[in-house]
Amino acid sequence: MGEQTTVKFPQEVIDEYAALGVDLPGLFSAGHLGERMDVRIVEAAADRVVGTMPVEGNTQPYGLLHGGASAVLAETLGSIGSMLHGGPSKLAVGVDLNCTHHRGARSGLVTGVATPVHRGRSTATYEIAITDEEGKRVCTARLTCLLRDVTPDGSAG
């Protein structure tokens, strides 16, 4: 598992967070679990988040991509989209995740693309399509996040 790659945030998003004293690209990662599973965020904006994950190291006993690994990729991508939609004054907290597994993957990289289904003031819902290297859909997931106000100390209000 390598180092986390640089996330490609839109410049206006970087500027918005920088105005608040936050180095968003320097701060952001997929978290410890995402790093352990080698999740790589390729593109990140409120209207589209793209990430990859290797199948190798994330399989179940039969050698297929583990459904839980697909769920980790999906929740990571949908949470990033929700966070970016909510902006720096909101904290995105997942409240519902469902995944439908369509086919197995035994090798290579899977790619997840999260797109918004609903972006409101208090919730955001994203559909995440995960495909194999041939473009065949491996999993379809949907994540809903609650958008909570951030208090002055940085916690959720």
N, C-alpha and C. Protein backbone atom coordinates (compact mmCIF):
# COMPACT_ATOMS: atom_id res chain seq x y z
N MET A 1 0.84 -1.17 0.00
CA MET A 1 0.00 0.00 0.00
C MET A 1 0.88 1.24 0.00
N GLY A 2 0.61 2.08 -0.95
CA GLY A 2 1.45 3.25 -1.12
C GLY A 2 0.90 4.47 -0.43
N GLU A 3 1.60 5.58 -0.68
CA GLU A 3 1.16 6.86 -0.13
C GLU A 3 -0.13 7.32 -0.80
N GLN A 4 -0.92 8.07 -0.05
CA GLN A 4 -2.15 8.64 -0.60
C GLN A 4 -1.80 9.64 -1.69
N THR A 5 -2.46 9.55 -2.83
CA THR A 5 -2.21 10.48 -3.90
C THR A 5 -2.88 11.81 -3.60
N THR A 6 -2.43 12.86 -4.29
CA THR A 6 -3.02 14.16 -4.11
C THR A 6 -4.43 14.17 -4.66
N VAL A 7 -5.35 14.71 -3.89
CA VAL A 7 -6.75 14.80 -4.31
C VAL A 7 -6.91 16.01 -5.21
N LYS A 8 -7.65 15.84 -6.29
CA LYS A 8 -7.89 16.93 -7.23
C LYS A 8 -9.18 17.65 -6.87
N PHE A 9 -9.07 18.68 -6.03
CA PHE A 9 -10.21 19.50 -5.67
C PHE A 9 -10.32 20.65 -6.66
N PRO A 10 -11.55 21.10 -6.96
CA PRO A 10 -11.69 22.30 -7.79
C PRO A 10 -11.05 23.50 -7.08
N GLN A 11 -10.44 24.39 -7.83
CA GLN A 11 -9.72 25.52 -7.24
C GLN A 11 -10.62 26.38 -6.36
N GLU A 12 -11.88 26.59 -6.76
CA GLU A 12 -12.77 27.43 -5.94
C GLU A 12 -13.04 26.80 -4.58
N VAL A 13 -13.05 25.46 -4.51
CA VAL A 13 -13.24 24.78 -3.23
C VAL A 13 -11.99 24.95 -2.37
N ILE A 14 -10.83 24.80 -2.96
CA ILE A 14 -9.57 25.01 -2.23
C ILE A 14 -9.53 26.42 -1.69
N ASP A 15 -9.90 27.40 -2.51
CA ASP A 15 -9.88 28.81 -2.09
C ASP A 15 -10.86 29.07 -0.95
N GLU A 16 -12.06 28.45 -1.02
CA GLU A 16 -13.07 28.64 0.03
C GLU A 16 -12.55 28.16 1.38
N TYR A 17 -11.94 26.98 1.40
CA TYR A 17 -11.40 26.45 2.64
C TYR A 17 -10.16 27.21 3.07
N ALA A 18 -9.32 27.64 2.12
CA ALA A 18 -8.11 28.40 2.44
C ALA A 18 -8.46 29.72 3.12
N ALA A 19 -9.58 30.34 2.71
CA ALA A 19 -10.02 31.60 3.33
C ALA A 19 -10.33 31.40 4.81
N LEU A 20 -10.63 30.17 5.19
CA LEU A 20 -10.91 29.85 6.60
C LEU A 20 -9.67 29.31 7.31
N GLY A 21 -8.54 29.32 6.61
CA GLY A 21 -7.30 28.84 7.20
C GLY A 21 -7.12 27.34 7.15
N VAL A 22 -7.86 26.66 6.24
CA VAL A 22 -7.78 25.20 6.15
C VAL A 22 -7.12 24.81 4.83
N ASP A 23 -6.02 24.04 4.92
CA ASP A 23 -5.35 23.50 3.73
C ASP A 23 -6.04 22.19 3.39
N LEU A 24 -7.12 22.28 2.60
CA LEU A 24 -7.95 21.10 2.31
C LEU A 24 -7.16 19.96 1.67
N PRO A 25 -6.39 20.21 0.58
CA PRO A 25 -5.64 19.08 -0.01
C PRO A 25 -4.62 18.47 0.94
N GLY A 26 -3.99 19.30 1.77
CA GLY A 26 -3.01 18.80 2.72
C GLY A 26 -3.64 18.04 3.86
N LEU A 27 -4.87 18.38 4.19
CA LEU A 27 -5.56 17.80 5.32
C LEU A 27 -6.29 16.51 4.98
N PHE A 28 -6.76 16.41 3.74
CA PHE A 28 -7.68 15.34 3.39
C PHE A 28 -6.98 14.02 3.12
N SER A 29 -7.61 12.94 3.59
CA SER A 29 -7.20 11.58 3.24
C SER A 29 -8.45 10.72 3.30
N ALA A 30 -8.34 9.48 2.94
CA ALA A 30 -9.46 8.55 3.02
C ALA A 30 -9.57 7.93 4.41
N GLY A 31 -8.76 8.40 5.35
CA GLY A 31 -8.79 7.88 6.72
C GLY A 31 -7.96 6.62 6.84
N HIS A 32 -7.79 6.16 8.06
CA HIS A 32 -6.94 5.00 8.31
C HIS A 32 -7.45 3.75 7.60
N LEU A 33 -8.76 3.51 7.63
CA LEU A 33 -9.30 2.34 6.96
C LEU A 33 -9.09 2.45 5.45
N GLY A 34 -9.39 3.61 4.89
CA GLY A 34 -9.17 3.83 3.46
C GLY A 34 -7.73 3.65 3.06
N GLU A 35 -6.81 4.12 3.90
CA GLU A 35 -5.38 3.94 3.62
C GLU A 35 -5.00 2.47 3.68
N ARG A 36 -5.52 1.74 4.67
CA ARG A 36 -5.22 0.31 4.81
C ARG A 36 -5.70 -0.46 3.58
N MET A 37 -6.83 0.01 3.00
CA MET A 37 -7.40 -0.67 1.84
C MET A 37 -6.89 -0.08 0.53
N ASP A 38 -6.02 0.91 0.63
CA ASP A 38 -5.37 1.57 -0.51
C ASP A 38 -6.37 2.29 -1.42
N VAL A 39 -7.37 2.94 -0.79
CA VAL A 39 -8.32 3.77 -1.53
C VAL A 39 -7.59 5.02 -1.99
N ARG A 40 -7.74 5.35 -3.25
CA ARG A 40 -7.12 6.55 -3.82
C ARG A 40 -8.21 7.47 -4.34
N ILE A 41 -8.22 8.69 -3.89
CA ILE A 41 -9.18 9.67 -4.38
C ILE A 41 -8.56 10.37 -5.58
N VAL A 42 -9.23 10.28 -6.71
CA VAL A 42 -8.71 10.80 -7.97
C VAL A 42 -9.27 12.18 -8.27
N GLU A 43 -10.54 12.38 -7.96
CA GLU A 43 -11.24 13.63 -8.29
C GLU A 43 -12.27 13.88 -7.20
N ALA A 44 -12.41 15.13 -6.77
CA ALA A 44 -13.35 15.42 -5.70
C ALA A 44 -14.02 16.78 -5.89
N ALA A 45 -15.33 16.75 -6.05
CA ALA A 45 -16.16 17.95 -6.11
C ALA A 45 -17.54 17.54 -5.61
N ALA A 46 -18.37 18.50 -5.22
CA ALA A 46 -19.69 18.17 -4.69
C ALA A 46 -20.56 17.43 -5.71
N ASP A 47 -20.30 17.64 -7.00
CA ASP A 47 -21.14 17.00 -8.01
C ASP A 47 -20.55 15.71 -8.58
N ARG A 48 -19.31 15.35 -8.18
CA ARG A 48 -18.71 14.10 -8.69
C ARG A 48 -17.44 13.82 -7.89
N VAL A 49 -17.38 12.61 -7.34
CA VAL A 49 -16.19 12.17 -6.62
C VAL A 49 -15.78 10.83 -7.24
N VAL A 50 -14.50 10.69 -7.57
CA VAL A 50 -13.98 9.47 -8.20
C VAL A 50 -12.84 8.93 -7.35
N GLY A 51 -12.85 7.62 -7.13
CA GLY A 51 -11.77 6.98 -6.39
C GLY A 51 -11.56 5.56 -6.88
N THR A 52 -10.38 5.02 -6.57
CA THR A 52 -10.04 3.66 -6.96
C THR A 52 -9.61 2.86 -5.73
N MET A 53 -9.63 1.54 -5.89
CA MET A 53 -9.19 0.64 -4.83
C MET A 53 -8.75 -0.67 -5.50
N PRO A 54 -7.62 -1.24 -5.09
CA PRO A 54 -7.23 -2.53 -5.67
C PRO A 54 -8.08 -3.66 -5.13
N VAL A 55 -8.31 -4.66 -5.96
CA VAL A 55 -9.01 -5.86 -5.51
C VAL A 55 -8.08 -6.66 -4.59
N GLU A 56 -6.83 -6.79 -5.01
CA GLU A 56 -5.85 -7.54 -4.22
C GLU A 56 -5.73 -6.93 -2.83
N GLY A 57 -5.81 -7.79 -1.81
CA GLY A 57 -5.73 -7.33 -0.43
C GLY A 57 -7.09 -6.98 0.14
N ASN A 58 -8.13 -6.96 -0.69
CA ASN A 58 -9.48 -6.60 -0.26
C ASN A 58 -10.49 -7.66 -0.68
N THR A 59 -10.08 -8.93 -0.57
CA THR A 59 -10.92 -10.04 -1.03
C THR A 59 -11.49 -10.85 0.14
N GLN A 60 -12.52 -11.62 -0.18
CA GLN A 60 -13.09 -12.57 0.78
C GLN A 60 -12.46 -13.94 0.51
N PRO A 61 -12.80 -14.98 1.29
CA PRO A 61 -12.12 -16.28 1.17
C PRO A 61 -12.15 -16.91 -0.22
N TYR A 62 -13.11 -16.58 -1.07
CA TYR A 62 -13.18 -17.18 -2.40
C TYR A 62 -12.37 -16.40 -3.44
N GLY A 63 -11.64 -15.39 -3.00
CA GLY A 63 -10.80 -14.63 -3.90
C GLY A 63 -11.50 -13.50 -4.64
N LEU A 64 -12.76 -13.23 -4.27
CA LEU A 64 -13.51 -12.15 -4.90
C LEU A 64 -13.42 -10.89 -4.04
N LEU A 65 -13.59 -9.73 -4.67
CA LEU A 65 -13.64 -8.48 -3.94
C LEU A 65 -14.68 -8.60 -2.82
N HIS A 66 -14.29 -8.28 -1.62
CA HIS A 66 -15.19 -8.38 -0.47
C HIS A 66 -16.26 -7.30 -0.57
N GLY A 67 -17.51 -7.67 -0.30
CA GLY A 67 -18.60 -6.71 -0.33
C GLY A 67 -18.39 -5.56 0.64
N GLY A 68 -17.77 -5.86 1.78
CA GLY A 68 -17.46 -4.80 2.75
C GLY A 68 -16.44 -3.82 2.21
N ALA A 69 -15.53 -4.30 1.37
CA ALA A 69 -14.55 -3.39 0.75
C ALA A 69 -15.25 -2.44 -0.21
N SER A 70 -16.21 -2.96 -0.97
CA SER A 70 -17.00 -2.09 -1.84
C SER A 70 -17.75 -1.05 -1.02
N ALA A 71 -18.27 -1.47 0.14
CA ALA A 71 -18.99 -0.54 1.02
C ALA A 71 -18.06 0.55 1.54
N VAL A 72 -16.83 0.20 1.87
CA VAL A 72 -15.86 1.20 2.34
C VAL A 72 -15.57 2.22 1.24
N LEU A 73 -15.34 1.74 0.03
CA LEU A 73 -15.09 2.66 -1.09
C LEU A 73 -16.30 3.56 -1.31
N ALA A 74 -17.50 2.98 -1.31
CA ALA A 74 -18.71 3.75 -1.55
C ALA A 74 -18.92 4.80 -0.46
N GLU A 75 -18.78 4.42 0.79
CA GLU A 75 -19.02 5.38 1.87
C GLU A 75 -17.96 6.48 1.87
N THR A 76 -16.74 6.14 1.54
CA THR A 76 -15.69 7.16 1.46
C THR A 76 -16.04 8.20 0.40
N LEU A 77 -16.39 7.74 -0.80
CA LEU A 77 -16.67 8.67 -1.90
C LEU A 77 -17.92 9.50 -1.64
N GLY A 78 -18.99 8.86 -1.16
CA GLY A 78 -20.22 9.60 -0.87
C GLY A 78 -20.04 10.59 0.26
N SER A 79 -19.23 10.24 1.25
CA SER A 79 -18.97 11.16 2.37
C SER A 79 -18.19 12.38 1.92
N ILE A 80 -17.25 12.17 1.01
CA ILE A 80 -16.48 13.31 0.48
C ILE A 80 -17.41 14.26 -0.27
N GLY A 81 -18.27 13.71 -1.12
CA GLY A 81 -19.21 14.54 -1.85
C GLY A 81 -20.12 15.31 -0.90
N SER A 82 -20.63 14.63 0.12
CA SER A 82 -21.50 15.27 1.10
C SER A 82 -20.77 16.38 1.85
N MET A 83 -19.51 16.11 2.24
CA MET A 83 -18.71 17.11 2.94
C MET A 83 -18.52 18.35 2.07
N LEU A 84 -18.21 18.13 0.79
CA LEU A 84 -17.99 19.26 -0.10
C LEU A 84 -19.29 20.01 -0.38
N HIS A 85 -20.41 19.29 -0.46
CA HIS A 85 -21.70 19.96 -0.63
C HIS A 85 -22.02 20.82 0.60
N GLY A 86 -21.82 20.26 1.79
CA GLY A 86 -22.14 20.99 3.02
C GLY A 86 -21.25 22.19 3.25
N GLY A 87 -20.02 22.14 2.74
CA GLY A 87 -19.09 23.25 2.93
C GLY A 87 -18.42 23.21 4.28
N PRO A 88 -17.56 24.17 4.54
CA PRO A 88 -16.74 24.15 5.76
C PRO A 88 -17.52 24.34 7.05
N SER A 89 -18.78 24.77 6.99
CA SER A 89 -19.56 24.96 8.21
C SER A 89 -20.37 23.72 8.59
N LYS A 90 -20.26 22.64 7.79
CA LYS A 90 -21.02 21.42 8.04
C LYS A 90 -20.10 20.21 8.16
N LEU A 91 -20.56 19.25 8.95
CA LEU A 91 -19.88 17.98 9.10
C LEU A 91 -20.80 16.91 8.54
N ALA A 92 -20.31 16.08 7.62
CA ALA A 92 -21.13 15.03 7.00
C ALA A 92 -20.97 13.74 7.79
N VAL A 93 -22.11 13.18 8.22
CA VAL A 93 -22.12 11.94 9.01
C VAL A 93 -23.03 10.95 8.31
N GLY A 94 -22.49 9.81 7.91
CA GLY A 94 -23.29 8.78 7.23
C GLY A 94 -24.39 8.24 8.14
N VAL A 95 -25.62 8.16 7.61
CA VAL A 95 -26.73 7.61 8.38
C VAL A 95 -27.38 6.41 7.70
N ASP A 96 -27.12 6.21 6.41
CA ASP A 96 -27.69 5.06 5.70
C ASP A 96 -26.80 4.70 4.53
N LEU A 97 -26.44 3.44 4.43
CA LEU A 97 -25.66 2.93 3.31
C LEU A 97 -26.27 1.62 2.87
N ASN A 98 -26.54 1.49 1.57
CA ASN A 98 -26.95 0.18 1.06
C ASN A 98 -26.16 -0.11 -0.20
N CYS A 99 -25.86 -1.38 -0.38
CA CYS A 99 -25.03 -1.81 -1.50
C CYS A 99 -25.67 -3.02 -2.17
N THR A 100 -25.72 -2.99 -3.49
CA THR A 100 -26.13 -4.14 -4.27
C THR A 100 -24.92 -4.61 -5.05
N HIS A 101 -24.55 -5.86 -4.86
CA HIS A 101 -23.36 -6.42 -5.52
C HIS A 101 -23.82 -7.18 -6.76
N HIS A 102 -23.33 -6.74 -7.92
CA HIS A 102 -23.80 -7.28 -9.20
C HIS A 102 -22.91 -8.41 -9.74
N ARG A 103 -21.62 -8.30 -9.54
CA ARG A 103 -20.70 -9.31 -10.07
C ARG A 103 -19.42 -9.27 -9.24
N GLY A 104 -18.66 -10.33 -9.32
CA GLY A 104 -17.40 -10.40 -8.60
C GLY A 104 -16.26 -9.80 -9.39
N ALA A 105 -15.22 -9.41 -8.68
CA ALA A 105 -13.96 -8.97 -9.29
C ALA A 105 -12.85 -9.73 -8.59
N ARG A 106 -11.91 -10.27 -9.38
CA ARG A 106 -10.83 -11.08 -8.82
C ARG A 106 -9.47 -10.40 -8.85
N SER A 107 -9.33 -9.35 -9.66
CA SER A 107 -8.02 -8.71 -9.78
C SER A 107 -8.19 -7.29 -10.31
N GLY A 108 -7.09 -6.57 -10.32
CA GLY A 108 -7.09 -5.22 -10.88
C GLY A 108 -7.60 -4.18 -9.90
N LEU A 109 -8.01 -3.06 -10.46
CA LEU A 109 -8.56 -1.94 -9.70
C LEU A 109 -10.05 -1.84 -9.95
N VAL A 110 -10.79 -1.45 -8.93
CA VAL A 110 -12.17 -1.04 -9.13
C VAL A 110 -12.21 0.47 -8.99
N THR A 111 -13.14 1.09 -9.71
CA THR A 111 -13.29 2.54 -9.69
C THR A 111 -14.70 2.87 -9.25
N GLY A 112 -14.81 3.78 -8.30
CA GLY A 112 -16.10 4.24 -7.83
C GLY A 112 -16.33 5.67 -8.26
N VAL A 113 -17.56 5.96 -8.70
CA VAL A 113 -17.95 7.32 -9.07
C VAL A 113 -19.21 7.66 -8.28
N ALA A 114 -19.11 8.68 -7.44
CA ALA A 114 -20.24 9.13 -6.62
C ALA A 114 -20.86 10.37 -7.24
N THR A 115 -22.16 10.32 -7.46
CA THR A 115 -22.89 11.47 -7.99
C THR A 115 -24.11 11.73 -7.10
N PRO A 116 -24.48 13.00 -6.95
CA PRO A 116 -25.58 13.32 -6.03
C PRO A 116 -26.94 12.90 -6.56
N VAL A 117 -27.76 12.41 -5.65
CA VAL A 117 -29.16 12.13 -5.91
C VAL A 117 -29.99 13.25 -5.29
N HIS A 118 -29.55 13.72 -4.11
CA HIS A 118 -30.23 14.80 -3.38
C HIS A 118 -29.17 15.57 -2.61
N ARG A 119 -29.22 16.91 -2.71
CA ARG A 119 -28.33 17.76 -1.92
C ARG A 119 -29.18 18.83 -1.25
N GLY A 120 -29.50 18.60 0.01
CA GLY A 120 -30.32 19.53 0.76
C GLY A 120 -29.53 20.26 1.82
N ARG A 121 -30.26 20.96 2.70
CA ARG A 121 -29.61 21.70 3.79
C ARG A 121 -29.18 20.79 4.92
N SER A 122 -29.94 19.71 5.16
CA SER A 122 -29.63 18.86 6.31
C SER A 122 -29.21 17.43 5.94
N THR A 123 -29.45 17.03 4.69
CA THR A 123 -29.00 15.71 4.24
C THR A 123 -28.47 15.79 2.81
N ALA A 124 -27.64 14.83 2.48
CA ALA A 124 -27.15 14.67 1.11
C ALA A 124 -27.12 13.18 0.82
N THR A 125 -27.60 12.80 -0.37
CA THR A 125 -27.62 11.40 -0.79
C THR A 125 -26.85 11.27 -2.10
N TYR A 126 -25.96 10.28 -2.15
CA TYR A 126 -25.14 10.02 -3.33
C TYR A 126 -25.32 8.58 -3.79
N GLU A 127 -25.36 8.41 -5.11
CA GLU A 127 -25.29 7.07 -5.69
C GLU A 127 -23.84 6.85 -6.09
N ILE A 128 -23.35 5.67 -5.78
CA ILE A 128 -21.96 5.33 -6.09
C ILE A 128 -21.97 4.09 -6.97
N ALA A 129 -21.44 4.23 -8.19
CA ALA A 129 -21.31 3.10 -9.11
C ALA A 129 -19.86 2.64 -9.08
N ILE A 130 -19.65 1.37 -8.77
CA ILE A 130 -18.31 0.79 -8.72
C ILE A 130 -18.18 -0.17 -9.88
N THR A 131 -17.14 0.05 -10.70
CA THR A 131 -16.93 -0.78 -11.88
C THR A 131 -15.53 -1.39 -11.87
N ASP A 132 -15.39 -2.49 -12.64
CA ASP A 132 -14.08 -3.12 -12.79
C ASP A 132 -13.31 -2.44 -13.92
N GLU A 133 -12.14 -2.96 -14.23
CA GLU A 133 -11.30 -2.34 -15.25
C GLU A 133 -11.88 -2.45 -16.66
N GLU A 134 -12.85 -3.33 -16.86
CA GLU A 134 -13.53 -3.45 -18.15
C GLU A 134 -14.77 -2.57 -18.23
N GLY A 135 -15.03 -1.81 -17.16
CA GLY A 135 -16.20 -0.94 -17.13
C GLY A 135 -17.48 -1.64 -16.73
N LYS A 136 -17.37 -2.91 -16.29
CA LYS A 136 -18.56 -3.65 -15.87
C LYS A 136 -18.88 -3.30 -14.42
N ARG A 137 -20.16 -3.07 -14.15
CA ARG A 137 -20.58 -2.67 -12.81
C ARG A 137 -20.47 -3.83 -11.84
N VAL A 138 -19.74 -3.59 -10.77
CA VAL A 138 -19.52 -4.56 -9.72
C VAL A 138 -20.52 -4.33 -8.58
N CYS A 139 -20.81 -3.07 -8.30
CA CYS A 139 -21.65 -2.72 -7.16
C CYS A 139 -22.32 -1.38 -7.40
N THR A 140 -23.55 -1.26 -6.94
CA THR A 140 -24.24 0.03 -6.90
C THR A 140 -24.57 0.30 -5.44
N ALA A 141 -24.20 1.47 -4.95
CA ALA A 141 -24.46 1.81 -3.55
C ALA A 141 -25.16 3.16 -3.48
N ARG A 142 -25.82 3.37 -2.36
CA ARG A 142 -26.43 4.67 -2.09
C ARG A 142 -26.10 5.03 -0.65
N LEU A 143 -25.60 6.26 -0.44
CA LEU A 143 -25.24 6.74 0.89
C LEU A 143 -25.99 8.03 1.17
N THR A 144 -26.60 8.10 2.36
CA THR A 144 -27.20 9.34 2.83
C THR A 144 -26.41 9.82 4.04
N CYS A 145 -26.03 11.08 4.00
CA CYS A 145 -25.31 11.70 5.12
C CYS A 145 -26.14 12.81 5.72
N LEU A 146 -26.10 12.89 7.04
CA LEU A 146 -26.68 14.01 7.77
C LEU A 146 -25.63 15.12 7.77
N LEU A 147 -26.05 16.34 7.49
CA LEU A 147 -25.14 17.49 7.51
C LEU A 147 -25.37 18.25 8.81
N ARG A 148 -24.42 18.16 9.71
CA ARG A 148 -24.53 18.79 11.02
C ARG A 148 -23.67 20.04 11.06
N ASP A 149 -24.15 21.04 11.80
CA ASP A 149 -23.38 22.27 11.97
C ASP A 149 -22.11 21.97 12.76
N VAL A 150 -21.02 22.61 12.37
CA VAL A 150 -19.76 22.51 13.09
C VAL A 150 -19.75 23.61 14.14
N THR A 151 -19.44 23.25 15.37
CA THR A 151 -19.38 24.22 16.46
C THR A 151 -18.01 24.93 16.42
N PRO A 152 -17.86 26.04 17.15
CA PRO A 152 -16.57 26.76 17.13
C PRO A 152 -15.35 25.92 17.50
N ASP A 153 -15.56 24.86 18.29
CA ASP A 153 -14.42 24.01 18.65
C ASP A 153 -14.13 22.94 17.60
N GLY A 154 -14.91 22.93 16.47
CA GLY A 154 -14.67 22.00 15.37
C GLY A 154 -15.45 20.71 15.45
N SER A 155 -16.26 20.54 16.51
CA SER A 155 -17.04 19.31 16.62
C SER A 155 -18.41 19.52 16.01
N ALA A 156 -19.18 18.44 15.93
CA ALA A 156 -20.54 18.52 15.38
C ALA A 156 -21.48 19.08 16.45
N GLY A 157 -22.35 19.98 16.00
CA GLY A 157 -23.31 20.59 16.92
C GLY A 157 -24.61 19.88 16.95
